[in-house]
């Protein structure tokens, strides 16, 4: 049995968990969700190379960019009016 074929399962589970967390009203949970999404992106890319699913790989790079944006946007804004 090829163990790379099994990587799709933790990729799927981490994607579902990340989506659950990103939907939270808690900033901390949303931040964790974006980081877990990034982990799932890596897992999907590994599996995509194994299965030669190049559209999936490109999709994961695009989604990773959105997840990095999500981490950045989730950070608290500095309020310059208090300085």
N, C-alpha and C. Protein backbone atom coordinates (compact mmCIF):
# COMPACT_ATOMS: atom_id res chain seq x y z
N UNK A 1 0.84 -1.19 0.00
CA UNK A 1 0.00 0.00 0.00
C UNK A 1 0.88 1.25 0.00
N UNK A 2 0.53 2.19 -0.82
CA UNK A 2 1.28 3.44 -0.88
C UNK A 2 0.71 4.42 0.14
N UNK A 3 1.56 4.83 1.08
CA UNK A 3 1.11 5.69 2.17
C UNK A 3 0.80 7.12 1.72
N UNK A 4 1.35 7.55 0.59
CA UNK A 4 1.02 8.88 0.08
C UNK A 4 -0.45 8.98 -0.30
N UNK A 5 -1.07 7.87 -0.65
CA UNK A 5 -2.49 7.87 -0.98
C UNK A 5 -3.35 8.21 0.25
N UNK A 6 -2.84 7.91 1.43
CA UNK A 6 -3.59 8.17 2.66
C UNK A 6 -3.57 9.64 3.07
N UNK A 7 -2.70 10.44 2.50
CA UNK A 7 -2.55 11.84 2.89
C UNK A 7 -3.82 12.65 2.61
N UNK A 8 -4.66 12.16 1.71
CA UNK A 8 -5.89 12.88 1.41
C UNK A 8 -6.83 12.95 2.62
N UNK A 9 -6.74 11.98 3.52
CA UNK A 9 -7.65 11.97 4.67
C UNK A 9 -7.31 13.03 5.71
N UNK A 10 -6.06 13.15 6.15
CA UNK A 10 -5.76 14.27 7.05
C UNK A 10 -5.93 15.62 6.35
N UNK A 11 -5.70 15.66 5.04
CA UNK A 11 -5.93 16.91 4.30
C UNK A 11 -7.40 17.30 4.36
N UNK A 12 -8.28 16.34 4.15
CA UNK A 12 -9.71 16.59 4.19
C UNK A 12 -10.15 16.99 5.59
N UNK A 13 -9.70 16.25 6.60
CA UNK A 13 -10.09 16.54 7.98
C UNK A 13 -9.60 17.92 8.43
N UNK A 14 -8.38 18.27 8.07
CA UNK A 14 -7.86 19.58 8.46
C UNK A 14 -8.60 20.70 7.72
N UNK A 15 -9.02 20.46 6.50
CA UNK A 15 -9.79 21.46 5.76
C UNK A 15 -11.14 21.70 6.43
N UNK A 16 -11.81 20.65 6.83
CA UNK A 16 -13.12 20.78 7.50
C UNK A 16 -12.95 21.47 8.85
N UNK A 17 -11.95 21.08 9.63
CA UNK A 17 -11.70 21.71 10.92
C UNK A 17 -11.40 23.20 10.74
N UNK A 18 -10.57 23.52 9.76
CA UNK A 18 -10.21 24.92 9.52
C UNK A 18 -11.44 25.74 9.13
N UNK A 19 -12.30 25.18 8.29
CA UNK A 19 -13.51 25.90 7.89
C UNK A 19 -14.40 26.16 9.10
N UNK A 20 -14.49 25.18 9.99
CA UNK A 20 -15.28 25.34 11.22
C UNK A 20 -14.71 26.48 12.07
N UNK A 21 -13.40 26.51 12.21
CA UNK A 21 -12.77 27.54 13.04
C UNK A 21 -12.85 28.93 12.41
N UNK A 22 -12.69 29.02 11.11
CA UNK A 22 -12.74 30.32 10.44
C UNK A 22 -14.14 30.93 10.55
N UNK A 23 -15.15 30.12 10.69
CA UNK A 23 -16.52 30.62 10.83
C UNK A 23 -16.82 31.12 12.24
N UNK A 24 -15.88 31.01 13.15
CA UNK A 24 -16.09 31.41 14.54
C UNK A 24 -16.12 32.94 14.69
N UNK A 25 -16.75 33.39 15.73
CA UNK A 25 -16.74 34.83 16.04
C UNK A 25 -15.51 35.20 16.86
N UNK A 26 -14.78 34.22 17.33
CA UNK A 26 -13.56 34.45 18.11
C UNK A 26 -12.37 34.68 17.18
N UNK A 27 -11.67 35.81 17.38
CA UNK A 27 -10.50 36.10 16.53
C UNK A 27 -9.44 35.01 16.67
N UNK A 28 -9.24 34.51 17.89
CA UNK A 28 -8.22 33.49 18.11
C UNK A 28 -8.55 32.21 17.35
N UNK A 29 -9.82 31.80 17.40
CA UNK A 29 -10.22 30.59 16.66
C UNK A 29 -10.09 30.80 15.15
N UNK A 30 -10.46 32.00 14.67
CA UNK A 30 -10.31 32.28 13.24
C UNK A 30 -8.85 32.22 12.83
N UNK A 31 -7.98 32.78 13.66
CA UNK A 31 -6.55 32.74 13.35
C UNK A 31 -6.05 31.29 13.27
N UNK A 32 -6.44 30.47 14.23
CA UNK A 32 -6.08 29.05 14.18
C UNK A 32 -6.62 28.41 12.91
N UNK A 33 -7.84 28.78 12.53
CA UNK A 33 -8.43 28.22 11.32
C UNK A 33 -7.62 28.52 10.08
N UNK A 34 -7.15 29.78 9.96
CA UNK A 34 -6.34 30.13 8.79
C UNK A 34 -5.02 29.34 8.78
N UNK A 35 -4.40 29.17 9.95
CA UNK A 35 -3.15 28.40 10.01
C UNK A 35 -3.39 26.93 9.67
N UNK A 36 -4.49 26.37 10.16
CA UNK A 36 -4.81 24.97 9.83
C UNK A 36 -5.14 24.84 8.35
N UNK A 37 -5.81 25.86 7.78
CA UNK A 37 -6.02 25.86 6.33
C UNK A 37 -4.69 25.78 5.60
N UNK A 38 -3.69 26.53 6.05
CA UNK A 38 -2.37 26.50 5.41
C UNK A 38 -1.74 25.10 5.49
N UNK A 39 -1.92 24.44 6.62
CA UNK A 39 -1.43 23.06 6.74
C UNK A 39 -2.16 22.16 5.74
N UNK A 40 -3.47 22.35 5.63
CA UNK A 40 -4.23 21.53 4.68
C UNK A 40 -3.80 21.82 3.24
N UNK A 41 -3.45 23.09 2.94
CA UNK A 41 -2.95 23.42 1.61
C UNK A 41 -1.69 22.62 1.29
N UNK A 42 -0.79 22.54 2.25
CA UNK A 42 0.45 21.77 2.05
C UNK A 42 0.13 20.29 1.81
N UNK A 43 -0.77 19.75 2.62
CA UNK A 43 -1.13 18.33 2.47
C UNK A 43 -1.77 18.07 1.10
N UNK A 44 -2.66 18.97 0.67
CA UNK A 44 -3.29 18.80 -0.64
C UNK A 44 -2.28 18.91 -1.77
N UNK A 45 -1.30 19.79 -1.64
CA UNK A 45 -0.26 19.92 -2.68
C UNK A 45 0.54 18.62 -2.76
N UNK A 46 0.91 18.06 -1.62
CA UNK A 46 1.65 16.79 -1.61
C UNK A 46 0.84 15.71 -2.31
N UNK A 47 -0.44 15.62 -1.94
CA UNK A 47 -1.30 14.60 -2.55
C UNK A 47 -1.51 14.90 -4.04
N UNK A 48 -1.61 16.19 -4.38
CA UNK A 48 -1.79 16.57 -5.79
C UNK A 48 -0.61 16.16 -6.65
N UNK A 49 0.61 16.33 -6.13
CA UNK A 49 1.78 15.88 -6.89
C UNK A 49 1.78 14.36 -7.05
N UNK A 50 1.40 13.68 -5.99
CA UNK A 50 1.35 12.21 -6.03
C UNK A 50 0.37 11.72 -7.10
N UNK A 51 -0.80 12.39 -7.18
CA UNK A 51 -1.83 11.95 -8.12
C UNK A 51 -1.80 12.70 -9.45
N UNK A 52 -0.84 13.61 -9.60
CA UNK A 52 -0.69 14.44 -10.80
C UNK A 52 -1.94 15.29 -11.05
N UNK A 53 -2.53 15.80 -9.95
CA UNK A 53 -3.71 16.66 -10.02
C UNK A 53 -3.23 18.11 -10.01
N UNK A 54 -2.78 18.59 -11.16
CA UNK A 54 -2.13 19.89 -11.23
C UNK A 54 -3.09 21.06 -11.02
N UNK A 55 -4.35 20.90 -11.40
CA UNK A 55 -5.33 21.95 -11.13
C UNK A 55 -5.55 22.08 -9.62
N UNK A 56 -5.55 20.96 -8.91
CA UNK A 56 -5.67 20.99 -7.45
C UNK A 56 -4.48 21.69 -6.82
N UNK A 57 -3.31 21.46 -7.34
CA UNK A 57 -2.10 22.11 -6.81
C UNK A 57 -2.20 23.63 -7.00
N UNK A 58 -2.58 24.06 -8.19
CA UNK A 58 -2.73 25.48 -8.44
C UNK A 58 -3.80 26.08 -7.53
N UNK A 59 -4.91 25.37 -7.38
CA UNK A 59 -5.97 25.83 -6.48
C UNK A 59 -5.44 26.01 -5.06
N UNK A 60 -4.63 25.09 -4.58
CA UNK A 60 -4.11 25.17 -3.22
C UNK A 60 -3.17 26.36 -3.04
N UNK A 61 -2.40 26.69 -4.07
CA UNK A 61 -1.55 27.88 -3.98
C UNK A 61 -2.40 29.15 -3.92
N UNK A 62 -3.47 29.18 -4.71
CA UNK A 62 -4.38 30.33 -4.67
C UNK A 62 -5.07 30.43 -3.31
N UNK A 63 -5.54 29.31 -2.79
CA UNK A 63 -6.20 29.31 -1.48
C UNK A 63 -5.21 29.65 -0.37
N UNK A 64 -3.97 29.21 -0.50
CA UNK A 64 -2.96 29.56 0.51
C UNK A 64 -2.76 31.07 0.55
N UNK A 65 -2.75 31.72 -0.62
CA UNK A 65 -2.62 33.18 -0.65
C UNK A 65 -3.80 33.83 0.07
N UNK A 66 -5.00 33.31 -0.14
CA UNK A 66 -6.17 33.84 0.56
C UNK A 66 -6.09 33.58 2.06
N UNK A 67 -5.55 32.44 2.45
CA UNK A 67 -5.41 32.13 3.88
C UNK A 67 -4.37 33.03 4.54
N UNK A 68 -3.30 33.32 3.83
CA UNK A 68 -2.30 34.26 4.37
C UNK A 68 -2.94 35.63 4.52
N UNK A 69 -3.74 36.03 3.55
CA UNK A 69 -4.48 37.30 3.65
C UNK A 69 -5.41 37.26 4.86
N UNK A 70 -6.06 36.13 5.09
CA UNK A 70 -6.95 35.99 6.23
C UNK A 70 -6.23 36.13 7.55
N UNK A 71 -5.04 35.54 7.67
CA UNK A 71 -4.25 35.69 8.88
C UNK A 71 -3.93 37.17 9.09
N UNK A 72 -3.51 37.84 8.02
CA UNK A 72 -3.15 39.26 8.11
C UNK A 72 -4.37 40.11 8.48
N UNK A 73 -5.51 39.87 7.83
CA UNK A 73 -6.72 40.66 8.08
C UNK A 73 -7.29 40.39 9.47
N UNK A 74 -7.01 39.23 10.03
CA UNK A 74 -7.53 38.88 11.35
C UNK A 74 -6.74 39.54 12.48
N UNK A 75 -5.54 40.03 12.16
CA UNK A 75 -4.72 40.71 13.17
C UNK A 75 -5.40 42.01 13.59
N UNK A 76 -5.29 42.37 14.87
CA UNK A 76 -5.91 43.62 15.31
C UNK A 76 -5.26 44.82 14.65
N UNK A 77 -6.08 45.77 14.28
CA UNK A 77 -5.58 47.00 13.65
C UNK A 77 -5.04 47.93 14.73
N UNK A 78 -3.98 48.63 14.39
CA UNK A 78 -3.42 49.63 15.28
C UNK A 78 -4.25 50.89 15.17
N UNK A 79 -4.67 51.44 16.29
CA UNK A 79 -5.46 52.65 16.29
C UNK A 79 -4.54 53.84 16.50
N UNK A 80 -4.27 54.59 15.41
CA UNK A 80 -3.36 55.71 15.46
C UNK A 80 -3.93 56.92 16.21
N UNK A 81 -5.24 56.94 16.41
CA UNK A 81 -5.85 58.08 17.08
C UNK A 81 -5.55 58.11 18.58
N UNK A 82 -5.10 57.00 19.13
CA UNK A 82 -4.80 56.92 20.56
C UNK A 82 -3.38 57.32 20.87
N UNK A 83 -2.57 57.61 19.87
CA UNK A 83 -1.17 57.94 20.10
C UNK A 83 -0.98 59.42 20.32
